[in-house]
Amino acid sequence: MPMKSIVASNAMILGLGRNGEVRKARMVFDRMREKDDATWSAMIKVYEKRGFELEVFQLGKS
């Protein structure tokens, strides 16, 4: 995946998370072929901000 697509997907994850769309943010995360450190941080941040702390532990299992 080109770097531009990773950056755009990371922004989408954060934007969806800010709007309370946690499931949609996770769908974007799951559909990404490549994930960088910023991707993982974005999804963790969305879960943490929305009170889904337990889901953070399941990210590594997916």
Foldseek 3Di string as FASTA:
>chain_A
DDPVVQVVLLVVLQVCLVVVNLVVSVVSLVPDPDHDPSSLVSNCVSCVVNVNNVVNVCVVVD
